[in-house]
């Protein structure tokens, strides 16, 4: 009977991070269960360059030192000289995390259940095959929940005419003023003629792909972009509520990623926080770590409750951006804001 050092359930960004950060420099045998083909997945993860992300700076695909937030009437410009906004694609992250010294065995199966046996765990997949591991890293999470907000998005990577985009300026949020709906466009200009153009919504239900595509087309027409080549598509759903999974009952079970509370619900940012989570677990003797501060979580809950119960068209975000400097804004988004910045944020809110 083979007993693996660890079993990773789900090879999304957090499961991949476990393989690289926790076991990448060892000779351990690790097994991972992923029921989807991760080679077909490729989307971009955005974050500001915090200290804990600097070890991965060499795989960042693009940096922006300037970003905008606004609508047709207002345009707030933020800058940061030392903490740019960055992106890493899933494909790049996957390749980076799979290039390790350890031996990783990937099973294209879904885990049905796992439970302790002696000093290890028995993992049973949906085809009733049994596997054994000393530790479990579980990234399965609930993406949708009745009555709770979701951040859902659909984007297309396009090629357009030369000198169409300002590749040095990121459009973080361009609110389109939809009636009774919080919707904004997110534009990542990779060069003067290539960009990801993404339609993003905060609501309780996910829409049909055709809805987002229409909003993308409307935005491109607004920017006088009538012809483009579509290269690829990305889409996703991020929960805007806190994970309810309790601390694992067994010391060698670790809830990771969104399941382990890595996501910042008020913004939907998760990638850099899940990496921080795995880094903290590496240096902890416990099987659970706090990624977000108590006051930040409290403020998130209040703001999400406001969004759930009020019609918001983006003005609150624009007012917040106008009252903060670029550094203050990114420190809030990355969970590093000081008390003065938090007071400014509170004062900006409805």
Protein backbone atom coordinates (compact mmCIF):
# COMPACT_ATOMS: atom_id res chain seq x y z
CA UNK A 1 0.00 0.00 0.00
CA UNK A 2 1.48 3.32 -1.13
CA UNK A 3 1.11 6.29 1.22
CA UNK A 4 1.80 9.68 -0.35
CA UNK A 5 3.27 12.51 1.67
CA UNK A 6 0.29 14.70 0.75
CA UNK A 7 -2.90 14.66 -1.28
CA UNK A 8 -3.99 17.88 -2.98
CA UNK A 9 -7.69 18.11 -3.85
CA UNK A 10 -8.05 20.53 -6.74
CA UNK A 11 -5.19 21.81 -8.90
CA UNK A 12 -6.31 25.41 -9.15
CA UNK A 13 -3.88 28.19 -8.19
CA UNK A 14 -3.89 27.26 -4.48
CA UNK A 15 -3.38 23.53 -5.07
CA UNK A 16 -0.52 24.34 -7.43
CA UNK A 17 0.95 26.67 -4.79
CA UNK A 18 0.98 23.82 -2.27
CA UNK A 19 2.97 21.66 -4.67
CA UNK A 20 5.52 24.42 -5.34
CA UNK A 21 5.85 26.24 -2.03
CA UNK A 22 5.41 23.39 0.44
CA UNK A 23 6.86 20.40 -1.41
CA UNK A 24 8.72 21.76 -4.44
CA UNK A 25 12.19 21.53 -2.93
CA UNK A 26 11.71 18.05 -1.44
CA UNK A 27 11.86 14.53 -2.84
CA UNK A 28 8.40 13.70 -1.47
CA UNK A 29 5.73 11.93 -3.47
CA UNK A 30 2.54 13.96 -3.73
CA UNK A 31 -0.77 13.07 -5.37
CA UNK A 32 -3.23 15.60 -6.76
CA UNK A 33 -6.86 15.12 -7.80
CA UNK A 34 -8.30 17.38 -10.48
CA UNK A 35 -11.39 16.41 -12.45
CA UNK A 36 -10.92 19.11 -15.12
CA UNK A 37 -8.21 19.47 -17.75
CA UNK A 38 -6.00 22.24 -16.35
CA UNK A 39 -4.10 22.38 -19.66
CA UNK A 40 -7.18 23.95 -21.26
CA UNK A 41 -7.46 26.67 -18.61
CA UNK A 42 -5.81 30.05 -19.02
CA UNK A 43 -6.93 33.24 -17.32
CA UNK A 44 -5.12 36.17 -15.74
CA UNK A 45 -4.69 36.84 -12.01
CA UNK A 46 -4.27 40.48 -11.00
CA UNK A 47 -2.62 41.87 -7.86
CA UNK A 48 -0.43 44.69 -6.61
CA UNK A 49 3.21 43.82 -5.96
CA UNK A 50 3.30 43.26 -2.20
CA UNK A 51 6.31 41.93 -0.30
CA UNK A 52 4.94 38.38 -0.23
CA UNK A 53 4.53 38.40 -4.02
CA UNK A 54 8.08 39.56 -4.78
CA UNK A 55 9.49 35.99 -4.83
CA UNK A 56 7.41 35.47 -7.98
CA UNK A 57 8.33 38.73 -9.68
CA UNK A 58 10.29 37.00 -12.46
CA UNK A 59 7.14 35.27 -13.79
CA UNK A 60 4.98 38.42 -13.82
CA UNK A 61 3.80 38.99 -17.38
CA UNK A 62 3.00 42.69 -17.24
CA UNK A 63 3.21 45.58 -14.77
CA UNK A 64 1.27 48.85 -14.72
CA UNK A 65 2.30 51.78 -12.55
CA UNK A 66 -0.89 53.71 -13.36
CA UNK A 67 -4.56 52.73 -13.26
CA UNK A 68 -7.90 54.47 -13.64
CA UNK A 69 -11.31 54.20 -11.98
CA UNK A 70 -14.32 56.10 -13.28
CA UNK A 71 -17.29 56.36 -15.63
CA UNK A 72 -18.27 58.52 -18.60
CA UNK A 73 -18.17 61.67 -16.44
CA UNK A 74 -15.25 61.00 -14.06
CA UNK A 75 -11.79 59.53 -14.43
CA UNK A 76 -9.66 59.03 -11.29
CA UNK A 77 -5.98 58.32 -12.04
CA UNK A 78 -3.88 56.50 -9.45
CA UNK A 79 -0.15 55.82 -9.60
CA UNK A 80 2.38 53.83 -7.62
CA UNK A 81 6.11 53.93 -8.23
CA UNK A 82 7.08 50.85 -6.22
CA UNK A 83 3.99 48.64 -6.05
CA UNK A 84 2.67 48.23 -9.59
CA UNK A 85 -0.43 46.32 -10.59
CA UNK A 86 0.67 42.98 -12.03
CA UNK A 87 -0.73 39.95 -13.79
CA UNK A 88 0.28 36.31 -14.00
CA UNK A 89 -1.62 33.89 -16.24
CA UNK A 90 -2.84 30.54 -14.98
CA UNK A 91 -0.72 28.82 -17.62
CA UNK A 92 2.45 30.54 -16.41
CA UNK A 93 1.59 29.83 -12.76
CA UNK A 94 0.86 26.17 -13.58
CA UNK A 95 4.15 25.67 -15.40
CA UNK A 96 6.05 27.40 -12.59
CA UNK A 97 4.40 25.30 -9.88
CA UNK A 98 4.84 21.99 -11.70
CA UNK A 99 8.57 22.57 -12.23
CA UNK A 100 9.76 21.05 -8.94
CA UNK A 101 12.09 18.46 -7.44
CA UNK A 102 9.30 16.45 -5.84
CA UNK A 103 7.31 13.77 -7.63
CA UNK A 104 3.73 14.84 -8.35
CA UNK A 105 1.18 12.33 -9.60
CA UNK A 106 -1.98 13.86 -11.05
CA UNK A 107 -5.24 11.91 -11.16
CA UNK A 108 -8.05 13.17 -13.35
CA UNK A 109 -10.65 12.13 -10.79
CA UNK A 110 -13.12 13.65 -8.38
CA UNK A 111 -12.71 12.99 -4.67
CA UNK A 112 -15.86 11.57 -3.07
CA UNK A 113 -14.62 11.54 0.54
CA UNK A 114 -11.63 11.11 2.81
CA UNK A 115 -11.22 10.04 6.42
CA UNK A 116 -8.42 9.17 8.86
CA UNK A 117 -7.04 5.67 9.21
CA UNK A 118 -4.29 5.23 11.82
CA UNK A 119 -1.72 7.98 11.11
CA UNK A 120 -2.77 8.68 7.50
CA UNK A 121 -5.90 9.37 5.43
CA UNK A 122 -7.83 7.19 3.04
CA UNK A 123 -9.04 9.11 -0.02
CA UNK A 124 -11.85 7.57 -2.06
CA UNK A 125 -12.57 8.91 -5.56
CA UNK A 126 -15.92 8.76 -7.34
CA UNK A 127 -14.88 5.57 -9.14
CA UNK A 128 -14.36 3.92 -5.71
CA UNK A 129 -10.57 3.81 -6.03
CA UNK A 130 -8.68 4.21 -2.76
CA UNK A 131 -5.55 6.29 -2.21
CA UNK A 132 -3.59 7.05 0.95
CA UNK A 133 -1.79 10.18 2.13
CA UNK A 134 -0.32 11.61 5.33
CA UNK A 135 -1.80 15.09 4.77
CA UNK A 136 -4.79 16.51 2.91
CA UNK A 137 -4.91 19.93 1.22
CA UNK A 138 -8.53 20.61 0.24
CA UNK A 139 -9.32 23.51 -2.10
CA UNK A 140 -12.92 22.59 -2.94
CA UNK A 141 -15.19 25.56 -2.30
CA UNK A 142 -18.73 26.80 -2.72
CA UNK A 143 -18.75 29.43 -5.46
CA UNK A 144 -22.46 30.26 -5.26
CA UNK A 145 -24.81 30.62 -2.31
CA UNK A 146 -28.46 31.65 -2.27
CA UNK A 147 -28.92 35.32 -1.46
CA UNK A 148 -25.19 36.10 -1.53
CA UNK A 149 -23.31 38.34 -3.95
CA UNK A 150 -20.99 37.01 -6.63
CA UNK A 151 -18.36 38.70 -8.72
CA UNK A 152 -18.74 37.16 -12.17
CA UNK A 153 -16.87 38.10 -15.30
CA UNK A 154 -16.35 37.31 -18.95
CA UNK A 155 -13.45 38.66 -20.97
CA UNK A 156 -11.94 38.42 -24.42
CA UNK A 157 -8.33 38.85 -25.43
CA UNK A 158 -8.24 40.91 -28.60
CA UNK A 159 -5.85 42.25 -31.21
CA UNK A 160 -6.71 45.61 -32.75
CA UNK A 161 -5.14 48.29 -34.94
CA UNK A 162 -1.72 49.62 -33.96
CA UNK A 163 -1.52 52.35 -31.29
CA UNK A 164 -5.09 51.78 -30.09
CA UNK A 165 -4.25 51.25 -26.41
CA UNK A 166 -2.05 53.10 -23.96
CA UNK A 167 -0.16 50.06 -22.72
CA UNK A 168 1.10 51.94 -19.64
CA UNK A 169 -2.36 52.63 -18.19
CA UNK A 170 -4.68 49.96 -16.80
CA UNK A 171 -8.44 50.52 -16.64
CA UNK A 172 -9.26 48.95 -13.29
CA UNK A 173 -12.93 49.90 -13.21
CA UNK A 174 -14.97 51.73 -15.82
CA UNK A 175 -18.57 51.78 -14.58
CA UNK A 176 -21.10 51.68 -17.41
CA UNK A 177 -24.10 52.98 -15.44
CA UNK A 178 -26.39 49.98 -15.86
CA UNK A 179 -29.80 50.45 -14.26
CA UNK A 180 -30.05 48.63 -10.88
CA UNK A 181 -26.83 46.73 -11.56
CA UNK A 182 -23.19 47.19 -10.60
CA UNK A 183 -21.24 46.58 -13.81
CA UNK A 184 -17.81 47.71 -14.89
CA UNK A 185 -15.25 47.10 -17.62
CA UNK A 186 -11.72 45.95 -16.75
CA UNK A 187 -9.06 46.52 -19.41
CA UNK A 188 -5.55 45.05 -19.36
CA UNK A 189 -3.58 46.61 -22.26
CA UNK A 190 -0.66 44.25 -22.82
CA UNK A 191 0.62 46.31 -25.74
CA UNK A 192 -0.51 49.11 -28.05
CA UNK A 193 -2.66 46.65 -30.01
CA UNK A 194 -3.44 43.75 -27.62
CA UNK A 195 -5.64 43.75 -24.53
CA UNK A 196 -7.94 41.77 -22.31
CA UNK A 197 -11.35 43.46 -22.27
CA UNK A 198 -13.51 42.11 -19.48
CA UNK A 199 -17.11 42.68 -18.37
CA UNK A 200 -17.54 42.30 -14.59
CA UNK A 201 -20.71 42.27 -12.50
CA UNK A 202 -21.47 42.21 -8.76
CA UNK A 203 -24.85 40.48 -8.40
CA UNK A 204 -26.55 37.42 -6.95
CA UNK A 205 -26.88 35.61 -10.28
CA UNK A 206 -24.53 34.80 -13.15
CA UNK A 207 -25.60 35.89 -16.65
CA UNK A 208 -25.48 34.25 -20.07
CA UNK A 209 -22.28 34.74 -22.05
CA UNK A 210 -24.15 36.77 -24.67
CA UNK A 211 -24.94 39.46 -22.06
CA UNK A 212 -21.27 40.12 -21.25
CA UNK A 213 -20.28 39.99 -24.91
CA UNK A 214 -22.83 42.68 -25.72
CA UNK A 215 -21.42 44.92 -22.97
CA UNK A 216 -17.89 44.34 -24.28
CA UNK A 217 -18.98 45.26 -27.80
CA UNK A 218 -20.77 48.38 -26.52
CA UNK A 219 -17.60 49.48 -24.71
CA UNK A 220 -15.38 48.87 -27.75
CA UNK A 221 -17.74 50.90 -29.95
CA UNK A 222 -17.63 53.68 -27.33
CA UNK A 223 -13.84 53.66 -27.70
CA UNK A 224 -14.13 53.67 -31.52
CA UNK A 225 -12.90 50.09 -31.79
CA UNK A 226 -15.09 48.56 -34.48
CA UNK A 227 -12.77 45.86 -35.76
CA UNK A 228 -10.78 43.37 -33.71
CA UNK A 229 -9.49 39.83 -33.75
CA UNK A 230 -10.61 37.65 -30.84
CA UNK A 231 -7.76 35.46 -29.61
CA UNK A 232 -9.18 33.76 -26.49
CA UNK A 233 -11.85 33.95 -23.82
CA UNK A 234 -11.77 33.81 -20.03
CA UNK A 235 -14.60 33.72 -17.52
CA UNK A 236 -15.17 32.97 -13.86
CA UNK A 237 -17.13 33.39 -10.66
CA UNK A 238 -15.69 34.60 -7.34
CA UNK A 239 -17.80 34.45 -4.14
CA UNK A 240 -18.32 37.76 -2.33
CA UNK A 241 -18.99 36.06 0.98
CA UNK A 242 -16.72 34.52 3.58
CA UNK A 243 -16.05 30.80 3.44
CA UNK A 244 -18.00 28.93 6.10
CA UNK A 245 -15.70 25.95 6.36
CA UNK A 246 -14.63 25.58 9.96
CA UNK A 247 -11.10 24.87 11.06
CA UNK A 248 -10.36 21.27 10.06
CA UNK A 249 -11.08 18.70 12.74
CA UNK A 250 -7.87 16.82 11.96
CA UNK A 251 -4.46 18.42 12.38
CA UNK A 252 -3.20 17.10 9.05
CA UNK A 253 -6.12 18.47 7.00
CA UNK A 254 -5.70 21.96 5.52
CA UNK A 255 -8.46 24.03 3.90
CA UNK A 256 -6.78 26.16 1.24
CA UNK A 257 -7.73 28.84 -1.27
CA UNK A 258 -11.25 30.27 -1.09
CA UNK A 259 -12.25 27.32 1.10
CA UNK A 260 -9.64 28.42 3.63
CA UNK A 261 -10.77 32.05 3.61
CA UNK A 262 -8.12 33.44 1.25
CA UNK A 263 -10.46 35.59 -0.86
CA UNK A 264 -11.09 39.24 0.06
CA UNK A 265 -14.88 39.25 -0.48
CA UNK A 266 -15.38 43.02 -0.93
CA UNK A 267 -13.04 43.09 -3.93
CA UNK A 268 -12.88 39.50 -5.19
CA UNK A 269 -9.09 39.49 -5.02
CA UNK A 270 -7.90 36.01 -4.16
CA UNK A 271 -4.74 35.00 -6.04
CA UNK A 272 -2.10 36.84 -4.02
CA UNK A 273 -3.92 36.07 -0.77
CA UNK A 274 -3.98 32.33 -1.41
CA UNK A 275 -0.24 32.45 -2.07
CA UNK A 276 0.20 34.34 1.20
CA UNK A 277 -1.91 31.65 2.88
CA UNK A 278 0.37 28.83 1.68
CA UNK A 279 3.46 30.82 2.68
CA UNK A 280 2.02 31.26 6.19
CA UNK A 281 1.13 27.57 6.42
CA UNK A 282 4.70 26.67 5.52
CA UNK A 283 5.97 28.55 8.57
CA UNK A 284 3.13 27.57 10.92
CA UNK A 285 2.72 24.57 13.19
CA UNK A 286 -1.05 24.92 12.89
CA UNK A 287 -3.35 23.77 10.09
CA UNK A 288 -5.15 27.11 9.86
CA UNK A 289 -3.87 30.68 9.39
CA UNK A 290 -5.57 34.08 9.34
CA UNK A 291 -4.91 35.85 6.07
CA UNK A 292 -7.11 38.88 6.68
CA UNK A 293 -7.14 41.13 9.74
CA UNK A 294 -10.19 41.28 11.99
CA UNK A 295 -11.00 44.93 11.19
CA UNK A 296 -10.60 44.36 7.44
CA UNK A 297 -13.05 41.46 7.58
CA UNK A 298 -15.49 43.56 9.62
CA UNK A 299 -15.33 46.39 7.07
CA UNK A 300 -15.79 43.90 4.23
CA UNK A 301 -18.94 42.51 5.82
CA UNK A 302 -20.43 45.99 6.27
CA UNK A 303 -19.67 47.02 2.69
CA UNK A 304 -20.97 43.76 1.18
CA UNK A 305 -24.15 44.13 3.22
CA UNK A 306 -24.53 47.64 1.78
CA UNK A 307 -24.08 46.34 -1.78
CA UNK A 308 -26.65 43.57 -1.18
CA UNK A 309 -29.31 45.93 0.07
CA UNK A 310 -28.79 49.07 -2.01
CA UNK A 311 -28.69 50.03 -5.66
CA UNK A 312 -25.08 50.84 -6.44
CA UNK A 313 -23.87 52.11 -9.83
CA UNK A 314 -20.22 52.54 -8.96
CA UNK A 315 -20.35 55.99 -7.37
CA UNK A 316 -19.21 54.60 -4.00
CA UNK A 317 -16.11 53.11 -5.63
CA UNK A 318 -15.38 56.32 -7.53
CA UNK A 319 -15.76 58.42 -4.36
CA UNK A 320 -13.47 56.02 -2.50
CA UNK A 321 -10.84 56.23 -5.25
CA UNK A 322 -11.05 60.03 -5.33
CA UNK A 323 -10.43 60.26 -1.57
CA UNK A 324 -7.40 57.95 -1.56
CA UNK A 325 -3.96 58.16 -3.09
CA UNK A 326 -2.74 55.33 -5.29
CA UNK A 327 -0.71 53.90 -2.40
CA UNK A 328 -3.65 54.13 0.02
CA UNK A 329 -5.99 52.50 -2.48
CA UNK A 330 -3.71 49.56 -3.24
CA UNK A 331 -2.92 49.08 0.46
CA UNK A 332 -6.67 48.70 1.10
CA UNK A 333 -7.12 46.29 -1.80
CA UNK A 334 -4.18 44.19 -0.61
CA UNK A 335 -5.21 44.20 3.07
CA UNK A 336 -2.29 46.37 4.20
CA UNK A 337 -4.02 49.68 4.96
CA UNK A 338 -3.14 51.54 8.16
CA UNK A 339 -5.64 53.05 10.57
CA UNK A 340 -5.60 56.49 8.91
CA UNK A 341 -6.41 54.94 5.53
CA UNK A 342 -9.18 52.88 7.10
CA UNK A 343 -10.70 56.07 8.56
CA UNK A 344 -10.55 57.68 5.11
CA UNK A 345 -12.29 54.62 3.65
CA UNK A 346 -15.02 54.72 6.32
CA UNK A 347 -15.52 58.44 5.69
CA UNK A 348 -15.88 57.79 1.94
CA UNK A 349 -18.60 55.18 2.31
CA UNK A 350 -22.36 55.89 2.07
